[in-house]
Amino acid sequence: EEDYARLHPGGKLGKKLMKVSELMRKQDAIPRVYLDTPMKDVIYEMSKKGLGITAVLDKAGQLAGVISDGDLRRHLEKDSNLLNRKAADCMTLNPKTIAADELATRALNLMEEKKITSLFILDERGGVQGIIHLHDLWRTELF
Protein backbone atom coordinates (compact mmCIF):
# COMPACT_ATOMS: atom_id res chain seq x y z
CA GLU A 1 0.00 0.00 0.00
CA GLU A 2 2.82 2.41 0.88
CA ASP A 3 4.66 1.44 -2.33
CA TYR A 4 1.52 2.15 -4.35
CA ALA A 5 1.22 5.60 -2.79
CA ARG A 6 4.88 6.34 -3.46
CA LEU A 7 4.87 5.14 -7.04
CA HIS A 8 1.47 6.46 -8.11
CA PRO A 9 1.80 8.89 -11.05
CA GLY A 10 -0.08 11.65 -9.20
CA GLY A 11 2.53 11.39 -6.48
CA LYS A 12 0.98 13.74 -3.92
CA LEU A 13 0.37 11.03 -1.35
CA GLY A 14 3.78 9.51 -2.07
CA LYS A 15 5.48 12.83 -1.37
CA LYS A 16 3.73 13.03 1.98
CA LEU A 17 5.16 9.59 2.83
CA MET A 18 8.76 10.56 2.00
CA LYS A 19 11.23 9.96 4.81
CA VAL A 20 13.88 12.38 6.02
CA SER A 21 16.51 9.82 4.93
CA GLU A 22 15.40 10.24 1.30
CA LEU A 23 16.01 13.99 1.32
CA MET A 24 18.84 14.59 3.78
CA ARG A 25 22.28 15.72 2.71
CA LYS A 26 25.04 13.29 3.66
CA GLN A 27 28.80 12.96 4.07
CA ASP A 28 30.76 15.90 2.62
CA ALA A 29 27.60 17.97 2.13
CA ILE A 30 27.15 18.21 5.92
CA PRO A 31 28.60 21.41 7.39
CA ARG A 32 30.63 20.47 10.46
CA VAL A 33 33.35 21.87 12.68
CA TYR A 34 34.76 20.92 16.08
CA LEU A 35 34.54 22.63 19.46
CA ASP A 36 38.06 24.06 19.12
CA THR A 37 37.66 25.25 15.50
CA PRO A 38 38.59 28.95 15.15
CA MET A 39 35.60 31.12 14.22
CA LYS A 40 37.28 32.19 10.97
CA ASP A 41 37.22 28.54 9.89
CA VAL A 42 33.64 28.12 11.15
CA ILE A 43 32.53 30.99 8.90
CA TYR A 44 34.44 29.47 5.97
CA GLU A 45 32.74 26.08 6.47
CA MET A 46 29.31 27.70 6.70
CA SER A 47 29.94 29.71 3.52
CA LYS A 48 31.32 26.70 1.65
CA LYS A 49 28.33 24.46 2.47
CA GLY A 50 25.78 27.26 1.92
CA LEU A 51 23.12 26.19 4.43
CA GLY A 52 23.48 29.00 6.96
CA ILE A 53 24.40 26.59 9.75
CA THR A 54 27.09 24.18 10.88
CA ALA A 55 27.18 21.31 13.33
CA VAL A 56 29.71 21.64 16.15
CA LEU A 57 31.13 18.24 17.08
CA ASP A 58 32.96 17.11 20.19
CA LYS A 59 36.15 15.02 20.06
CA ALA A 60 34.09 11.83 19.78
CA GLY A 61 32.30 13.22 16.72
CA GLN A 62 28.99 13.69 18.51
CA LEU A 63 26.80 16.75 18.06
CA ALA A 64 27.64 19.26 20.81
CA GLY A 65 25.79 22.22 19.31
CA VAL A 66 25.22 24.32 16.20
CA ILE A 67 26.17 27.74 14.92
CA SER A 68 23.72 29.48 12.59
CA ASP A 69 23.95 32.71 10.62
CA GLY A 70 21.73 34.24 13.29
CA ASP A 71 24.12 33.12 16.03
CA LEU A 72 26.97 34.80 14.15
CA ARG A 73 25.06 38.08 13.88
CA ARG A 74 24.07 38.03 17.55
CA HIS A 75 27.66 37.37 18.63
CA LEU A 76 29.06 40.05 16.30
CA GLU A 77 26.73 42.64 17.83
CA LYS A 78 28.16 42.10 21.29
CA ASP A 79 31.68 40.77 20.65
CA SER A 80 34.10 42.66 18.40
CA ASN A 81 36.64 39.91 19.11
CA LEU A 82 34.53 37.14 17.54
CA LEU A 83 37.19 36.02 15.06
CA ASN A 84 39.53 35.23 17.96
CA ARG A 85 37.01 32.86 19.53
CA LYS A 86 36.40 29.14 19.04
CA ALA A 87 33.22 27.37 17.92
CA ALA A 88 32.52 26.26 21.51
CA ASP A 89 32.26 29.93 22.55
CA CYS A 90 29.51 30.75 20.04
CA MET A 91 27.45 27.60 19.58
CA THR A 92 23.86 27.00 20.58
CA LEU A 93 23.47 23.96 22.81
CA ASN A 94 20.76 21.30 22.50
CA PRO A 95 19.91 21.83 18.82
CA LYS A 96 16.75 20.35 17.40
CA THR A 97 17.29 17.07 15.57
CA ILE A 98 15.15 14.52 13.78
CA ALA A 99 15.46 10.80 13.07
CA ALA A 100 16.22 9.59 9.54
CA ASP A 101 13.11 7.40 9.52
CA GLU A 102 10.73 10.27 10.38
CA LEU A 103 8.39 11.56 7.69
CA ALA A 104 9.66 14.62 5.83
CA THR A 105 6.37 16.35 6.68
CA ARG A 106 7.32 15.98 10.37
CA ALA A 107 10.62 17.75 9.64
CA LEU A 108 8.73 20.57 7.95
CA ASN A 109 6.31 20.90 10.86
CA LEU A 110 9.17 20.95 13.38
CA MET A 111 11.02 23.65 11.42
CA GLU A 112 7.89 25.79 11.26
CA GLU A 113 7.11 25.25 14.94
CA LYS A 114 10.66 26.11 16.09
CA LYS A 115 11.20 28.81 13.43
CA ILE A 116 14.39 27.18 12.14
CA THR A 117 15.57 26.25 8.66
CA SER A 118 17.63 23.09 9.27
CA LEU A 119 17.61 19.91 11.30
CA PHE A 120 20.53 17.56 11.87
CA ILE A 121 19.96 13.82 11.71
CA LEU A 122 21.87 11.76 14.26
CA ASP A 123 22.88 8.11 14.25
CA GLU A 124 22.36 5.89 17.29
CA ARG A 125 25.66 7.08 18.84
CA GLY A 126 24.83 10.78 18.51
CA GLY A 127 27.04 11.30 15.47
CA VAL A 128 25.78 13.48 12.64
CA GLN A 129 24.35 11.30 9.88
CA GLY A 130 22.84 14.08 7.77
CA ILE A 131 21.18 17.46 7.57
CA ILE A 132 17.89 18.50 6.04
CA HIS A 133 17.24 22.12 5.07
CA LEU A 134 13.92 23.81 4.47
CA HIS A 135 14.84 24.21 0.78
CA ASP A 136 15.22 20.42 0.48
CA LEU A 137 11.61 20.12 1.62
CA TRP A 138 10.35 22.93 -0.62
CA ARG A 139 11.82 21.18 -3.68
CA THR A 140 9.55 18.20 -3.02
CA GLU A 141 6.48 20.47 -3.06
CA LEU A 142 5.28 18.92 0.20
CA PHE A 143 3.02 21.89 0.86
C-alpha atoms as a PDB file:
ATOM      1  CA  GLU A   1       0.000   0.000   0.000  1.00  0.00           C
ATOM      2  CA  GLU A   2       2.819   2.408   0.881  1.00  0.00           C
ATOM      3  CA  ASP A   3       4.664   1.439  -2.330  1.00  0.00           C
ATOM      4  CA  TYR A   4       1.520   2.145  -4.347  1.00  0.00           C
ATOM      5  CA  ALA A   5       1.218   5.602  -2.786  1.00  0.00           C
ATOM      6  CA  ARG A   6       4.880   6.345  -3.462  1.00  0.00           C
ATOM      7  CA  LEU A   7       4.871   5.138  -7.042  1.00  0.00           C
ATOM      8  CA  HIS A   8       1.475   6.460  -8.108  1.00  0.00           C
ATOM      9  CA  PRO A   9       1.797   8.894 -11.047  1.00  0.00           C
ATOM     10  CA  GLY A  10      -0.077  11.651  -9.197  1.00  0.00           C
ATOM     11  CA  GLY A  11       2.530  11.386  -6.485  1.00  0.00           C
ATOM     12  CA  LYS A  12       0.983  13.738  -3.919  1.00  0.00           C
ATOM     13  CA  LEU A  13       0.373  11.030  -1.347  1.00  0.00           C
ATOM     14  CA  GLY A  14       3.778   9.509  -2.069  1.00  0.00           C
ATOM     15  CA  LYS A  15       5.477  12.830  -1.374  1.00  0.00           C
ATOM     16  CA  LYS A  16       3.731  13.031   1.981  1.00  0.00           C
ATOM     17  CA  LEU A  17       5.163   9.592   2.825  1.00  0.00           C
ATOM     18  CA  MET A  18       8.758  10.561   2.003  1.00  0.00           C
ATOM     19  CA  LYS A  19      11.231   9.958   4.808  1.00  0.00           C
ATOM     20  CA  VAL A  20      13.876  12.377   6.018  1.00  0.00           C
ATOM     21  CA  SER A  21      16.506   9.820   4.926  1.00  0.00           C
ATOM     22  CA  GLU A  22      15.402  10.240   1.295  1.00  0.00           C
ATOM     23  CA  LEU A  23      16.006  13.995   1.319  1.00  0.00           C
ATOM     24  CA  MET A  24      18.837  14.587   3.779  1.00  0.00           C
ATOM     25  CA  ARG A  25      22.276  15.719   2.708  1.00  0.00           C
ATOM     26  CA  LYS A  26      25.041  13.293   3.659  1.00  0.00           C
ATOM     27  CA  GLN A  27      28.802  12.963   4.074  1.00  0.00           C
ATOM     28  CA  ASP A  28      30.763  15.899   2.615  1.00  0.00           C
ATOM     29  CA  ALA A  29      27.600  17.969   2.125  1.00  0.00           C
ATOM     30  CA  ILE A  30      27.152  18.214   5.920  1.00  0.00           C
ATOM     31  CA  PRO A  31      28.600  21.413   7.390  1.00  0.00           C
ATOM     32  CA  ARG A  32      30.632  20.471  10.463  1.00  0.00           C
ATOM     33  CA  VAL A  33      33.352  21.868  12.677  1.00  0.00           C
ATOM     34  CA  TYR A  34      34.758  20.924  16.077  1.00  0.00           C
ATOM     35  CA  LEU A  35      34.543  22.625  19.464  1.00  0.00           C
ATOM     36  CA  ASP A  36      38.057  24.059  19.118  1.00  0.00           C
ATOM     37  CA  THR A  37      37.663  25.248  15.504  1.00  0.00           C
ATOM     38  CA  PRO A  38      38.588  28.950  15.152  1.00  0.00           C
ATOM     39  CA  MET A  39      35.600  31.120  14.220  1.00  0.00           C
ATOM     40  CA  LYS A  40      37.278  32.193  10.970  1.00  0.00           C
ATOM     41  CA  ASP A  41      37.222  28.541   9.886  1.00  0.00           C
ATOM     42  CA  VAL A  42      33.641  28.123  11.153  1.00  0.00           C
ATOM     43  CA  ILE A  43      32.531  30.985   8.900  1.00  0.00           C
ATOM     44  CA  TYR A  44      34.440  29.472   5.974  1.00  0.00           C
ATOM     45  CA  GLU A  45      32.740  26.075   6.466  1.00  0.00           C
ATOM     46  CA  MET A  46      29.314  27.702   6.696  1.00  0.00           C
ATOM     47  CA  SER A  47      29.938  29.711   3.516  1.00  0.00           C
ATOM     48  CA  LYS A  48      31.325  26.698   1.645  1.00  0.00           C
ATOM     49  CA  LYS A  49      28.333  24.464   2.467  1.00  0.00           C
ATOM     50  CA  GLY A  50      25.780  27.260   1.923  1.00  0.00           C
ATOM     51  CA  LEU A  51      23.124  26.186   4.434  1.00  0.00           C
ATOM     52  CA  GLY A  52      23.481  28.996   6.962  1.00  0.00           C
ATOM     53  CA  ILE A  53      24.398  26.591   9.747  1.00  0.00           C
ATOM     54  CA  THR A  54      27.089  24.179  10.878  1.00  0.00           C
ATOM     55  CA  ALA A  55      27.183  21.306  13.328  1.00  0.00           C
ATOM     56  CA  VAL A  56      29.707  21.640  16.149  1.00  0.00           C
ATOM     57  CA  LEU A  57      31.125  18.239  17.081  1.00  0.00           C
ATOM     58  CA  ASP A  58      32.960  17.109  20.192  1.00  0.00           C
ATOM     59  CA  LYS A  59      36.154  15.020  20.064  1.00  0.00           C
ATOM     60  CA  ALA A  60      34.088  11.831  19.784  1.00  0.00           C
ATOM     61  CA  GLY A  61      32.303  13.220  16.716  1.00  0.00           C
ATOM     62  CA  GLN A  62      28.993  13.690  18.510  1.00  0.00           C
ATOM     63  CA  LEU A  63      26.799  16.748  18.058  1.00  0.00           C
ATOM     64  CA  ALA A  64      27.636  19.258  20.805  1.00  0.00           C
ATOM     65  CA  GLY A  65      25.789  22.218  19.312  1.00  0.00           C
ATOM     66  CA  VAL A  66      25.217  24.319  16.202  1.00  0.00           C
ATOM     67  CA  ILE A  67      26.167  27.740  14.917  1.00  0.00           C
ATOM     68  CA  SER A  68      23.724  29.480  12.591  1.00  0.00           C
ATOM     69  CA  ASP A  69      23.955  32.713  10.619  1.00  0.00           C
ATOM     70  CA  GLY A  70      21.727  34.240  13.292  1.00  0.00           C
ATOM     71  CA  ASP A  71      24.120  33.117  16.032  1.00  0.00           C
ATOM     72  CA  LEU A  72      26.973  34.804  14.147  1.00  0.00           C
ATOM     73  CA  ARG A  73      25.058  38.085  13.878  1.00  0.00           C
ATOM     74  CA  ARG A  74      24.073  38.033  17.547  1.00  0.00           C
ATOM     75  CA  HIS A  75      27.657  37.369  18.633  1.00  0.00           C
ATOM     76  CA  LEU A  76      29.062  40.046  16.305  1.00  0.00           C
ATOM     77  CA  GLU A  77      26.726  42.637  17.828  1.00  0.00           C
ATOM     78  CA  LYS A  78      28.164  42.105  21.291  1.00  0.00           C
ATOM     79  CA  ASP A  79      31.683  40.765  20.646  1.00  0.00           C
ATOM     80  CA  SER A  80      34.099  42.657  18.400  1.00  0.00           C
ATOM     81  CA  ASN A  81      36.639  39.910  19.108  1.00  0.00           C
ATOM     82  CA  LEU A  82      34.530  37.136  17.542  1.00  0.00           C
ATOM     83  CA  LEU A  83      37.190  36.017  15.061  1.00  0.00           C
ATOM     84  CA  ASN A  84      39.531  35.232  17.963  1.00  0.00           C
ATOM     85  CA  ARG A  85      37.005  32.856  19.529  1.00  0.00           C
ATOM     86  CA  LYS A  86      36.401  29.136  19.039  1.00  0.00           C
ATOM     87  CA  ALA A  87      33.224  27.369  17.920  1.00  0.00           C
ATOM     88  CA  ALA A  88      32.519  26.261  21.512  1.00  0.00           C
ATOM     89  CA  ASP A  89      32.256  29.933  22.548  1.00  0.00           C
ATOM     90  CA  CYS A  90      29.512  30.745  20.040  1.00  0.00           C
ATOM     91  CA  MET A  91      27.450  27.599  19.582  1.00  0.00           C
ATOM     92  CA  THR A  92      23.858  27.001  20.575  1.00  0.00           C
ATOM     93  CA  LEU A  93      23.474  23.961  22.811  1.00  0.00           C
ATOM     94  CA  ASN A  94      20.763  21.300  22.498  1.00  0.00           C
ATOM     95  CA  PRO A  95      19.913  21.827  18.824  1.00  0.00           C
ATOM     96  CA  LYS A  96      16.747  20.353  17.396  1.00  0.00           C
ATOM     97  CA  THR A  97      17.291  17.073  15.570  1.00  0.00           C
ATOM     98  CA  ILE A  98      15.149  14.520  13.778  1.00  0.00           C
ATOM     99  CA  ALA A  99      15.463  10.797  13.073  1.00  0.00           C
ATOM    100  CA  ALA A 100      16.222   9.594   9.544  1.00  0.00           C
ATOM    101  CA  ASP A 101      13.111   7.401   9.518  1.00  0.00           C
ATOM    102  CA  GLU A 102      10.725  10.266  10.383  1.00  0.00           C
ATOM    103  CA  LEU A 103       8.394  11.565   7.692  1.00  0.00           C
ATOM    104  CA  ALA A 104       9.660  14.623   5.826  1.00  0.00           C
ATOM    105  CA  THR A 105       6.374  16.346   6.682  1.00  0.00           C
ATOM    106  CA  ARG A 106       7.319  15.980  10.367  1.00  0.00           C
ATOM    107  CA  ALA A 107      10.621  17.754   9.644  1.00  0.00           C
ATOM    108  CA  LEU A 108       8.728  20.574   7.948  1.00  0.00           C
ATOM    109  CA  ASN A 109       6.309  20.902  10.865  1.00  0.00           C
ATOM    110  CA  LEU A 110       9.171  20.949  13.380  1.00  0.00           C
ATOM    111  CA  MET A 111      11.025  23.646  11.425  1.00  0.00           C
ATOM    112  CA  GLU A 112       7.895  25.785  11.256  1.00  0.00           C
ATOM    113  CA  GLU A 113       7.108  25.252  14.944  1.00  0.00           C
ATOM    114  CA  LYS A 114      10.661  26.108  16.094  1.00  0.00           C
ATOM    115  CA  LYS A 115      11.202  28.811  13.429  1.00  0.00           C
ATOM    116  CA  ILE A 116      14.389  27.185  12.142  1.00  0.00           C
ATOM    117  CA  THR A 117      15.572  26.247   8.659  1.00  0.00           C
ATOM    118  CA  SER A 118      17.634  23.092   9.267  1.00  0.00           C
ATOM    119  CA  LEU A 119      17.610  19.911  11.301  1.00  0.00           C
ATOM    120  CA  PHE A 120      20.526  17.564  11.868  1.00  0.00           C
ATOM    121  CA  ILE A 121      19.960  13.823  11.712  1.00  0.00           C
ATOM    122  CA  LEU A 122      21.867  11.757  14.263  1.00  0.00           C
ATOM    123  CA  ASP A 123      22.885   8.114  14.245  1.00  0.00           C
ATOM    124  CA  GLU A 124      22.357   5.886  17.287  1.00  0.00           C
ATOM    125  CA  ARG A 125      25.661   7.085  18.836  1.00  0.00           C
ATOM    126  CA  GLY A 126      24.834  10.785  18.509  1.00  0.00           C
ATOM    127  CA  GLY A 127      27.036  11.295  15.466  1.00  0.00           C
ATOM    128  CA  VAL A 128      25.783  13.478  12.637  1.00  0.00           C
ATOM    129  CA  GLN A 129      24.349  11.300   9.876  1.00  0.00           C
ATOM    130  CA  GLY A 130      22.839  14.079   7.770  1.00  0.00           C
ATOM    131  CA  ILE A 131      21.177  17.463   7.574  1.00  0.00           C
ATOM    132  CA  ILE A 132      17.892  18.505   6.037  1.00  0.00           C
ATOM    133  CA  HIS A 133      17.241  22.119   5.067  1.00  0.00           C
ATOM    134  CA  LEU A 134      13.920  23.812   4.466  1.00  0.00           C
ATOM    135  CA  HIS A 135      14.841  24.209   0.784  1.00  0.00           C
ATOM    136  CA  ASP A 136      15.222  20.416   0.484  1.00  0.00           C
ATOM    137  CA  LEU A 137      11.610  20.120   1.620  1.00  0.00           C
ATOM    138  CA  TRP A 138      10.354  22.929  -0.623  1.00  0.00           C
ATOM    139  CA  ARG A 139      11.819  21.180  -3.682  1.00  0.00           C
ATOM    140  CA  THR A 140       9.550  18.201  -3.015  1.00  0.00           C
ATOM    141  CA  GLU A 141       6.476  20.471  -3.062  1.00  0.00           C
ATOM    142  CA  LEU A 142       5.277  18.916   0.204  1.00  0.00           C
ATOM    143  CA  PHE A 143       3.023  21.887   0.864  1.00  0.00           C
END
